C-alpha atoms as a PDB file:
ATOM      1  CA  MET A   1     103.382  89.928 137.492  1.00  0.00           C
ATOM      2  CA  SER A   2     106.436  91.701 136.093  1.00  0.00           C
ATOM      3  CA  THR A   3     107.789  94.770 137.863  1.00  0.00           C
ATOM      4  CA  GLU A   4     109.126  96.224 134.594  1.00  0.00           C
ATOM      5  CA  ASN A   5     107.513  99.333 133.130  1.00  0.00           C
ATOM      6  CA  GLN A   6     104.803  98.563 130.635  1.00  0.00           C
ATOM      7  CA  TYR A   7     104.037 100.981 127.829  1.00  0.00           C
ATOM      8  CA  ASP A   8     100.879 101.637 125.842  1.00  0.00           C
ATOM      9  CA  THR A   9     100.711 103.217 122.399  1.00  0.00           C
ATOM     10  CA  LEU A  10      98.458 106.172 121.622  1.00  0.00           C
ATOM     11  CA  VAL A  11      97.830 107.435 118.114  1.00  0.00           C
ATOM     12  CA  VAL A  12      97.211 111.178 118.116  1.00  0.00           C
ATOM     13  CA  GLU A  13      96.164 113.051 114.990  1.00  0.00           C
ATOM     14  CA  GLY A  14      96.893 116.718 114.414  1.00  0.00           C
ATOM     15  CA  MET A  15      99.489 117.166 117.146  1.00  0.00           C
ATOM     16  CA  GLY A  16     101.624 119.485 115.016  1.00  0.00           C
ATOM     17  CA  GLU A  17     105.183 120.254 116.064  1.00  0.00           C
ATOM     18  CA  THR A  18     104.570 120.487 119.825  1.00  0.00           C
ATOM     19  CA  ILE A  19     105.179 117.240 121.710  1.00  0.00           C
ATOM     20  CA  PRO A  20     103.324 117.121 125.036  1.00  0.00           C
ATOM     21  CA  GLN A  21     105.235 116.196 128.189  1.00  0.00           C
ATOM     22  CA  ALA A  22     102.169 114.441 129.635  1.00  0.00           C
ATOM     23  CA  VAL A  23      98.890 112.950 128.431  1.00  0.00           C
ATOM     24  CA  GLY A  24      96.056 112.365 130.881  1.00  0.00           C
ATOM     25  CA  GLY A  25      98.420 113.070 133.740  1.00  0.00           C
ATOM     26  CA  LEU A  26     100.880 110.407 132.559  1.00  0.00           C
ATOM     27  CA  ARG A  27     104.438 111.158 131.392  1.00  0.00           C
ATOM     28  CA  VAL A  28     105.120 110.885 127.655  1.00  0.00           C
ATOM     29  CA  ALA A  29     108.118 108.521 127.566  1.00  0.00           C
ATOM     30  CA  ALA A  30     108.567 108.366 123.782  1.00  0.00           C
ATOM     31  CA  TRP A  31     106.942 109.417 120.548  1.00  0.00           C
ATOM     32  CA  HIS A  32     107.310 108.831 116.821  1.00  0.00           C
ATOM     33  CA  ARG A  33     105.934 110.640 113.808  1.00  0.00           C
ATOM     34  CA  GLY A  34     103.237 108.614 111.993  1.00  0.00           C
ATOM     35  CA  HIS A  35     105.243 107.455 108.978  1.00  0.00           C
ATOM     36  CA  ALA A  36     105.502 103.986 110.504  1.00  0.00           C
ATOM     37  CA  LEU A  37     101.729 103.636 110.278  1.00  0.00           C
ATOM     38  CA  ASP A  38     101.817 104.538 106.580  1.00  0.00           C
ATOM     39  CA  ALA A  39     104.471 101.882 106.005  1.00  0.00           C
ATOM     40  CA  LYS A  40     102.354  99.326 107.867  1.00  0.00           C
ATOM     41  CA  CYS A  41      99.424 100.015 105.535  1.00  0.00           C
ATOM     42  CA  GLU A  42     101.600  99.556 102.472  1.00  0.00           C
ATOM     43  CA  LEU A  43     102.979  96.288 103.840  1.00  0.00           C
ATOM     44  CA  GLU A  44      99.469  95.017 104.654  1.00  0.00           C
ATOM     45  CA  ASP A  45      98.319  95.905 101.130  1.00  0.00           C
ATOM     46  CA  PHE A  46     101.290  94.018  99.675  1.00  0.00           C
ATOM     47  CA  ILE A  47     100.562  90.893 101.745  1.00  0.00           C
ATOM     48  CA  ARG A  48      96.884  91.019 100.771  1.00  0.00           C
ATOM     49  CA  LYS A  49      97.721  91.340  97.062  1.00  0.00           C
ATOM     50  CA  LEU A  50     100.289  88.552  97.370  1.00  0.00           C
ATOM     51  CA  SER A  51      97.738  86.238  98.990  1.00  0.00           C
ATOM     52  CA  TYR A  52      95.220  87.006  96.217  1.00  0.00           C
ATOM     53  CA  GLY A  53      97.797  86.200  93.531  1.00  0.00           C
ATOM     54  CA  ASP A  54      97.640  89.728  92.127  1.00  0.00           C
ATOM     55  CA  PHE A  55     101.347  89.895  91.211  1.00  0.00           C
ATOM     56  CA  GLU A  56     102.642  88.525  87.932  1.00  0.00           C
ATOM     57  CA  ASP A  57     106.168  88.473  89.423  1.00  0.00           C
ATOM     58  CA  PRO A  58     105.914  88.259  93.239  1.00  0.00           C
ATOM     59  CA  GLU A  59     109.680  88.325  93.722  1.00  0.00           C
ATOM     60  CA  GLN A  60     110.033  91.566  91.765  1.00  0.00           C
ATOM     61  CA  ALA A  61     107.023  93.026  93.573  1.00  0.00           C
ATOM     62  CA  ALA A  62     108.775  92.297  96.893  1.00  0.00           C
ATOM     63  CA  VAL A  63     111.992  93.920  95.659  1.00  0.00           C
ATOM     64  CA  ASP A  64     110.025  96.981  94.514  1.00  0.00           C
ATOM     65  CA  LEU A  65     108.296  97.233  97.908  1.00  0.00           C
ATOM     66  CA  MET A  66     111.585  96.955  99.794  1.00  0.00           C
ATOM     67  CA  GLU A  67     113.116  99.688  97.627  1.00  0.00           C
ATOM     68  CA  ARG A  68     110.120 102.002  98.172  1.00  0.00           C
ATOM     69  CA  MET A  69     110.372 101.435 101.928  1.00  0.00           C
ATOM     70  CA  ASN A  70     114.173 101.876 101.901  1.00  0.00           C
ATOM     71  CA  TRP A  71     114.727  98.323 103.165  1.00  0.00           C
ATOM     72  CA  ALA A  72     116.964  97.310 100.257  1.00  0.00           C
END
């Protein structure tokens, strides 16, 4: 077994602007505002639509997605 630190991810709703120093007696080592989860949903929706053949121009749909997500 590795001796490196292992980290778990918690998703907390309604935390507001105060970031706790500990959760359940464990130190909070890092945090990130939930925008990444929103982006994940949009990416999953895109992949689903792509697999269903819902795009007339899949290449342009990918370009549009990348621009919306500030990847391009």
